[in-house]
Amino acid sequence: MGAPHKNERDVPAPLLHALNHSIRRRILRLLDERGDGGRLSPVEAADSLGLMLTTVAYHFRVLVATNAIEEIDRRQVRGTIQHFFQRGATLREADWVKGVLADTALTD
């Protein structure tokens, strides 16, 4: 085995895991629609995607665990805490993710 070629990417396995589910890709697209400084809460994502909050919250936890997104704010809303997230460092460093999200948009 030789040395890696210059054009080979060091793709972190956790990021691949994060991208391996259509709901997580849909959440990331929602974040992309909000721009670089955009933020999104699980409640907003659940409403936008027409999914149950528990389902969306699970996928947010996976995205956080893989550093694809990071929590940036918390607010008390009607007796509960609403969490807000933005793109994480892993996602910001992987320019190729936008291509994956675009390529899978029609099938998700």
N, C-alpha and C. Protein backbone atom coordinates (compact mmCIF):
# COMPACT_ATOMS: atom_id res chain seq x y z
N MET A 1 0.82 -1.18 0.00
CA MET A 1 0.00 0.00 0.00
C MET A 1 0.87 1.24 0.00
N GLY A 2 0.57 2.14 -0.89
CA GLY A 2 1.33 3.38 -0.97
C GLY A 2 0.71 4.47 -0.12
N ALA A 3 1.32 5.61 -0.17
CA ALA A 3 0.80 6.77 0.55
C ALA A 3 -0.50 7.23 -0.09
N PRO A 4 -1.38 7.84 0.68
CA PRO A 4 -2.63 8.33 0.10
C PRO A 4 -2.36 9.38 -0.96
N HIS A 5 -3.20 9.37 -1.97
CA HIS A 5 -3.09 10.38 -3.02
C HIS A 5 -3.54 11.73 -2.49
N LYS A 6 -3.05 12.77 -3.09
CA LYS A 6 -3.36 14.12 -2.65
C LYS A 6 -4.85 14.41 -2.71
N ASN A 7 -5.57 13.82 -3.68
CA ASN A 7 -6.98 14.12 -3.84
C ASN A 7 -7.90 13.23 -3.00
N GLU A 8 -7.35 12.27 -2.25
CA GLU A 8 -8.18 11.44 -1.38
C GLU A 8 -8.58 12.26 -0.16
N ARG A 9 -9.83 12.09 0.25
CA ARG A 9 -10.34 12.84 1.38
C ARG A 9 -10.32 11.99 2.63
N ASP A 10 -10.03 12.62 3.73
CA ASP A 10 -10.10 11.96 5.02
C ASP A 10 -11.50 12.22 5.56
N VAL A 11 -12.42 11.30 5.26
CA VAL A 11 -13.82 11.47 5.62
C VAL A 11 -14.07 10.80 6.97
N PRO A 12 -14.50 11.57 7.97
CA PRO A 12 -14.75 10.97 9.27
C PRO A 12 -15.99 10.07 9.24
N ALA A 13 -15.84 8.87 9.78
CA ALA A 13 -16.93 7.89 9.80
C ALA A 13 -18.18 8.44 10.48
N PRO A 14 -18.07 9.19 11.59
CA PRO A 14 -19.29 9.72 12.21
C PRO A 14 -20.09 10.63 11.28
N LEU A 15 -19.41 11.40 10.45
CA LEU A 15 -20.13 12.27 9.52
C LEU A 15 -20.87 11.44 8.48
N LEU A 16 -20.25 10.36 8.02
CA LEU A 16 -20.94 9.47 7.09
C LEU A 16 -22.18 8.87 7.74
N HIS A 17 -22.04 8.50 9.02
CA HIS A 17 -23.20 7.97 9.76
C HIS A 17 -24.31 9.02 9.82
N ALA A 18 -23.95 10.26 10.09
CA ALA A 18 -24.94 11.33 10.18
C ALA A 18 -25.68 11.51 8.86
N LEU A 19 -24.97 11.36 7.76
CA LEU A 19 -25.57 11.56 6.44
C LEU A 19 -26.32 10.34 5.91
N ASN A 20 -26.28 9.26 6.67
CA ASN A 20 -26.84 8.00 6.20
C ASN A 20 -28.33 7.85 6.50
N HIS A 21 -29.01 8.92 6.83
CA HIS A 21 -30.45 8.84 7.09
C HIS A 21 -31.14 10.05 6.46
N SER A 22 -32.26 9.81 5.80
CA SER A 22 -32.94 10.89 5.07
C SER A 22 -33.43 12.01 5.99
N ILE A 23 -33.88 11.69 7.20
CA ILE A 23 -34.35 12.74 8.10
C ILE A 23 -33.20 13.65 8.50
N ARG A 24 -32.04 13.07 8.77
CA ARG A 24 -30.89 13.90 9.14
C ARG A 24 -30.45 14.77 7.97
N ARG A 25 -30.50 14.23 6.76
CA ARG A 25 -30.16 15.05 5.59
C ARG A 25 -31.19 16.18 5.41
N ARG A 26 -32.46 15.91 5.67
CA ARG A 26 -33.49 16.93 5.56
C ARG A 26 -33.28 18.03 6.60
N ILE A 27 -32.88 17.65 7.81
CA ILE A 27 -32.58 18.64 8.86
C ILE A 27 -31.41 19.52 8.42
N LEU A 28 -30.38 18.90 7.88
CA LEU A 28 -29.21 19.67 7.43
C LEU A 28 -29.57 20.60 6.28
N ARG A 29 -30.48 20.18 5.40
CA ARG A 29 -30.94 21.07 4.33
C ARG A 29 -31.68 22.28 4.90
N LEU A 30 -32.50 22.04 5.93
CA LEU A 30 -33.19 23.17 6.58
C LEU A 30 -32.18 24.17 7.13
N LEU A 31 -31.13 23.67 7.75
CA LEU A 31 -30.08 24.55 8.26
C LEU A 31 -29.40 25.31 7.13
N ASP A 32 -29.13 24.62 6.02
CA ASP A 32 -28.48 25.27 4.88
C ASP A 32 -29.35 26.39 4.32
N GLU A 33 -30.67 26.19 4.32
CA GLU A 33 -31.59 27.22 3.82
C GLU A 33 -31.52 28.49 4.65
N ARG A 34 -31.10 28.38 5.89
CA ARG A 34 -31.02 29.53 6.79
C ARG A 34 -29.69 30.27 6.70
N GLY A 35 -28.78 29.79 5.86
CA GLY A 35 -27.51 30.48 5.65
C GLY A 35 -26.45 30.10 6.66
N ASP A 36 -25.29 30.73 6.53
CA ASP A 36 -24.13 30.40 7.36
C ASP A 36 -24.38 30.58 8.85
N GLY A 37 -25.02 31.64 9.23
CA GLY A 37 -25.29 31.89 10.64
C GLY A 37 -26.64 31.36 11.09
N GLY A 38 -27.28 30.59 10.22
CA GLY A 38 -28.62 30.10 10.51
C GLY A 38 -28.68 29.17 11.69
N ARG A 39 -29.82 29.19 12.35
CA ARG A 39 -30.01 28.31 13.49
C ARG A 39 -31.38 27.66 13.38
N LEU A 40 -31.50 26.53 14.04
CA LEU A 40 -32.71 25.73 13.92
C LEU A 40 -32.93 24.97 15.21
N SER A 41 -34.19 24.88 15.62
CA SER A 41 -34.52 24.09 16.81
C SER A 41 -35.23 22.81 16.35
N PRO A 42 -35.20 21.77 17.17
CA PRO A 42 -35.95 20.56 16.83
C PRO A 42 -37.44 20.83 16.64
N VAL A 43 -38.00 21.74 17.41
CA VAL A 43 -39.42 22.08 17.26
C VAL A 43 -39.68 22.67 15.88
N GLU A 44 -38.84 23.61 15.46
CA GLU A 44 -38.99 24.22 14.13
C GLU A 44 -38.83 23.17 13.04
N ALA A 45 -37.85 22.29 13.20
CA ALA A 45 -37.62 21.25 12.20
C ALA A 45 -38.80 20.29 12.12
N ALA A 46 -39.33 19.89 13.28
CA ALA A 46 -40.47 18.97 13.30
C ALA A 46 -41.67 19.60 12.59
N ASP A 47 -41.92 20.88 12.87
CA ASP A 47 -43.03 21.58 12.21
C ASP A 47 -42.81 21.65 10.70
N SER A 48 -41.62 22.01 10.31
CA SER A 48 -41.30 22.18 8.89
C SER A 48 -41.34 20.86 8.13
N LEU A 49 -40.88 19.79 8.76
CA LEU A 49 -40.81 18.48 8.10
C LEU A 49 -42.09 17.66 8.27
N GLY A 50 -42.99 18.11 9.13
CA GLY A 50 -44.23 17.37 9.37
C GLY A 50 -44.00 16.05 10.09
N LEU A 51 -43.02 16.05 11.00
CA LEU A 51 -42.68 14.84 11.75
C LEU A 51 -42.90 15.07 13.24
N MET A 52 -42.97 13.97 14.00
CA MET A 52 -43.12 14.07 15.45
C MET A 52 -41.83 14.63 16.06
N LEU A 53 -42.00 15.45 17.09
CA LEU A 53 -40.86 16.05 17.75
C LEU A 53 -39.91 15.00 18.32
N THR A 54 -40.42 13.92 18.86
CA THR A 54 -39.54 12.88 19.42
C THR A 54 -38.64 12.28 18.35
N THR A 55 -39.17 12.09 17.16
CA THR A 55 -38.37 11.55 16.05
C THR A 55 -37.27 12.53 15.66
N VAL A 56 -37.65 13.77 15.50
CA VAL A 56 -36.69 14.80 15.10
C VAL A 56 -35.63 15.01 16.19
N ALA A 57 -36.06 15.02 17.44
CA ALA A 57 -35.11 15.22 18.55
C ALA A 57 -34.07 14.10 18.57
N TYR A 58 -34.48 12.88 18.28
CA TYR A 58 -33.52 11.77 18.21
C TYR A 58 -32.46 12.05 17.14
N HIS A 59 -32.90 12.48 15.97
CA HIS A 59 -31.95 12.73 14.88
C HIS A 59 -31.06 13.94 15.17
N PHE A 60 -31.57 14.93 15.89
CA PHE A 60 -30.72 16.04 16.34
C PHE A 60 -29.63 15.51 17.26
N ARG A 61 -29.97 14.59 18.17
CA ARG A 61 -28.96 14.04 19.08
C ARG A 61 -27.86 13.31 18.31
N VAL A 62 -28.25 12.58 17.26
CA VAL A 62 -27.24 11.89 16.43
C VAL A 62 -26.35 12.92 15.74
N LEU A 63 -26.94 13.97 15.20
CA LEU A 63 -26.16 15.00 14.53
C LEU A 63 -25.22 15.71 15.49
N VAL A 64 -25.65 15.93 16.72
CA VAL A 64 -24.77 16.54 17.73
C VAL A 64 -23.63 15.59 18.07
N ALA A 65 -23.94 14.31 18.25
CA ALA A 65 -22.92 13.32 18.62
C ALA A 65 -21.85 13.18 17.55
N THR A 66 -22.20 13.45 16.30
CA THR A 66 -21.24 13.33 15.21
C THR A 66 -20.59 14.67 14.86
N ASN A 67 -20.88 15.70 15.67
CA ASN A 67 -20.35 17.06 15.46
C ASN A 67 -20.79 17.70 14.16
N ALA A 68 -21.87 17.20 13.59
CA ALA A 68 -22.41 17.82 12.38
C ALA A 68 -23.11 19.13 12.74
N ILE A 69 -23.73 19.17 13.93
CA ILE A 69 -24.36 20.40 14.41
C ILE A 69 -23.93 20.61 15.86
N GLU A 70 -24.10 21.85 16.32
CA GLU A 70 -23.75 22.17 17.71
C GLU A 70 -24.80 23.11 18.28
N GLU A 71 -25.05 22.95 19.56
CA GLU A 71 -26.02 23.81 20.24
C GLU A 71 -25.41 25.19 20.45
N ILE A 72 -26.20 26.22 20.13
CA ILE A 72 -25.69 27.58 20.28
C ILE A 72 -26.53 28.43 21.22
N ASP A 73 -27.75 27.97 21.54
CA ASP A 73 -28.61 28.79 22.38
C ASP A 73 -29.71 27.93 22.98
N ARG A 74 -30.23 28.41 24.12
CA ARG A 74 -31.39 27.79 24.78
C ARG A 74 -32.31 28.91 25.24
N ARG A 75 -33.62 28.65 25.13
CA ARG A 75 -34.61 29.63 25.58
C ARG A 75 -35.74 28.91 26.27
N GLN A 76 -36.28 29.53 27.30
CA GLN A 76 -37.47 28.97 27.92
C GLN A 76 -38.68 29.43 27.13
N VAL A 77 -39.45 28.44 26.67
CA VAL A 77 -40.65 28.72 25.88
C VAL A 77 -41.80 27.91 26.47
N ARG A 78 -42.80 28.58 26.96
CA ARG A 78 -43.99 27.94 27.53
C ARG A 78 -43.66 26.78 28.47
N GLY A 79 -42.80 27.01 29.42
CA GLY A 79 -42.51 26.01 30.44
C GLY A 79 -41.53 24.93 30.03
N THR A 80 -40.94 25.03 28.88
CA THR A 80 -39.94 24.05 28.45
C THR A 80 -38.73 24.80 27.90
N ILE A 81 -37.65 24.10 27.72
CA ILE A 81 -36.43 24.70 27.17
C ILE A 81 -36.35 24.35 25.69
N GLN A 82 -36.25 25.37 24.85
CA GLN A 82 -36.08 25.15 23.41
C GLN A 82 -34.60 25.34 23.09
N HIS A 83 -34.01 24.35 22.42
CA HIS A 83 -32.60 24.35 22.06
C HIS A 83 -32.46 24.76 20.60
N PHE A 84 -31.42 25.53 20.30
CA PHE A 84 -31.15 25.99 18.94
C PHE A 84 -29.76 25.51 18.52
N PHE A 85 -29.66 25.12 17.27
CA PHE A 85 -28.43 24.53 16.75
C PHE A 85 -28.01 25.21 15.46
N GLN A 86 -26.71 25.11 15.17
CA GLN A 86 -26.16 25.56 13.88
C GLN A 86 -25.21 24.48 13.39
N ARG A 87 -24.71 24.68 12.18
CA ARG A 87 -23.76 23.72 11.60
C ARG A 87 -22.54 23.60 12.51
N GLY A 88 -22.08 22.38 12.71
CA GLY A 88 -20.91 22.13 13.55
C GLY A 88 -19.62 22.19 12.76
N ALA A 89 -18.51 22.09 13.48
CA ALA A 89 -17.19 22.19 12.86
C ALA A 89 -16.97 21.11 11.81
N THR A 90 -17.38 19.89 12.10
CA THR A 90 -17.19 18.80 11.14
C THR A 90 -17.89 19.09 9.83
N LEU A 91 -19.09 19.61 9.92
CA LEU A 91 -19.87 19.91 8.72
C LEU A 91 -19.30 21.10 7.98
N ARG A 92 -18.86 22.12 8.70
CA ARG A 92 -18.29 23.31 8.06
C ARG A 92 -17.01 22.99 7.30
N GLU A 93 -16.26 22.01 7.78
CA GLU A 93 -14.99 21.65 7.13
C GLU A 93 -15.17 20.74 5.93
N ALA A 94 -16.33 20.12 5.81
CA ALA A 94 -16.56 19.15 4.73
C ALA A 94 -17.41 19.78 3.63
N ASP A 95 -16.75 20.45 2.70
CA ASP A 95 -17.46 21.13 1.61
C ASP A 95 -18.27 20.17 0.73
N TRP A 96 -17.84 18.92 0.65
CA TRP A 96 -18.50 17.94 -0.20
C TRP A 96 -19.91 17.58 0.29
N VAL A 97 -20.24 17.92 1.55
CA VAL A 97 -21.55 17.56 2.10
C VAL A 97 -22.67 18.25 1.34
N LYS A 98 -22.45 19.49 0.90
CA LYS A 98 -23.49 20.19 0.13
C LYS A 98 -23.86 19.43 -1.12
N GLY A 99 -22.88 18.80 -1.75
CA GLY A 99 -23.15 17.98 -2.93
C GLY A 99 -23.99 16.76 -2.59
N VAL A 100 -23.67 16.13 -1.47
CA VAL A 100 -24.45 14.96 -1.03
C VAL A 100 -25.90 15.38 -0.76
N LEU A 101 -26.07 16.50 -0.07
CA LEU A 101 -27.42 16.97 0.24
C LEU A 101 -28.19 17.32 -1.03
N ALA A 102 -27.52 17.92 -2.00
CA ALA A 102 -28.19 18.26 -3.27
C ALA A 102 -28.53 17.00 -4.06
N ASP A 103 -27.59 16.06 -4.09
CA ASP A 103 -27.81 14.83 -4.87
C ASP A 103 -28.95 13.97 -4.32
N THR A 104 -29.20 14.03 -3.02
CA THR A 104 -30.22 13.19 -2.40
C THR A 104 -31.53 13.92 -2.16
N ALA A 105 -31.62 15.20 -2.50
CA ALA A 105 -32.79 16.00 -2.20
C ALA A 105 -34.07 15.45 -2.83
N LEU A 106 -33.99 14.96 -4.03
CA LEU A 106 -35.19 14.47 -4.71
C LEU A 106 -35.71 13.16 -4.16
N THR A 107 -34.83 12.37 -3.55
CA THR A 107 -35.24 11.06 -3.05
C THR A 107 -35.58 11.06 -1.57
N ASP A 108 -35.21 12.10 -0.84
CA ASP A 108 -35.48 12.13 0.61
C ASP A 108 -36.90 12.51 0.85
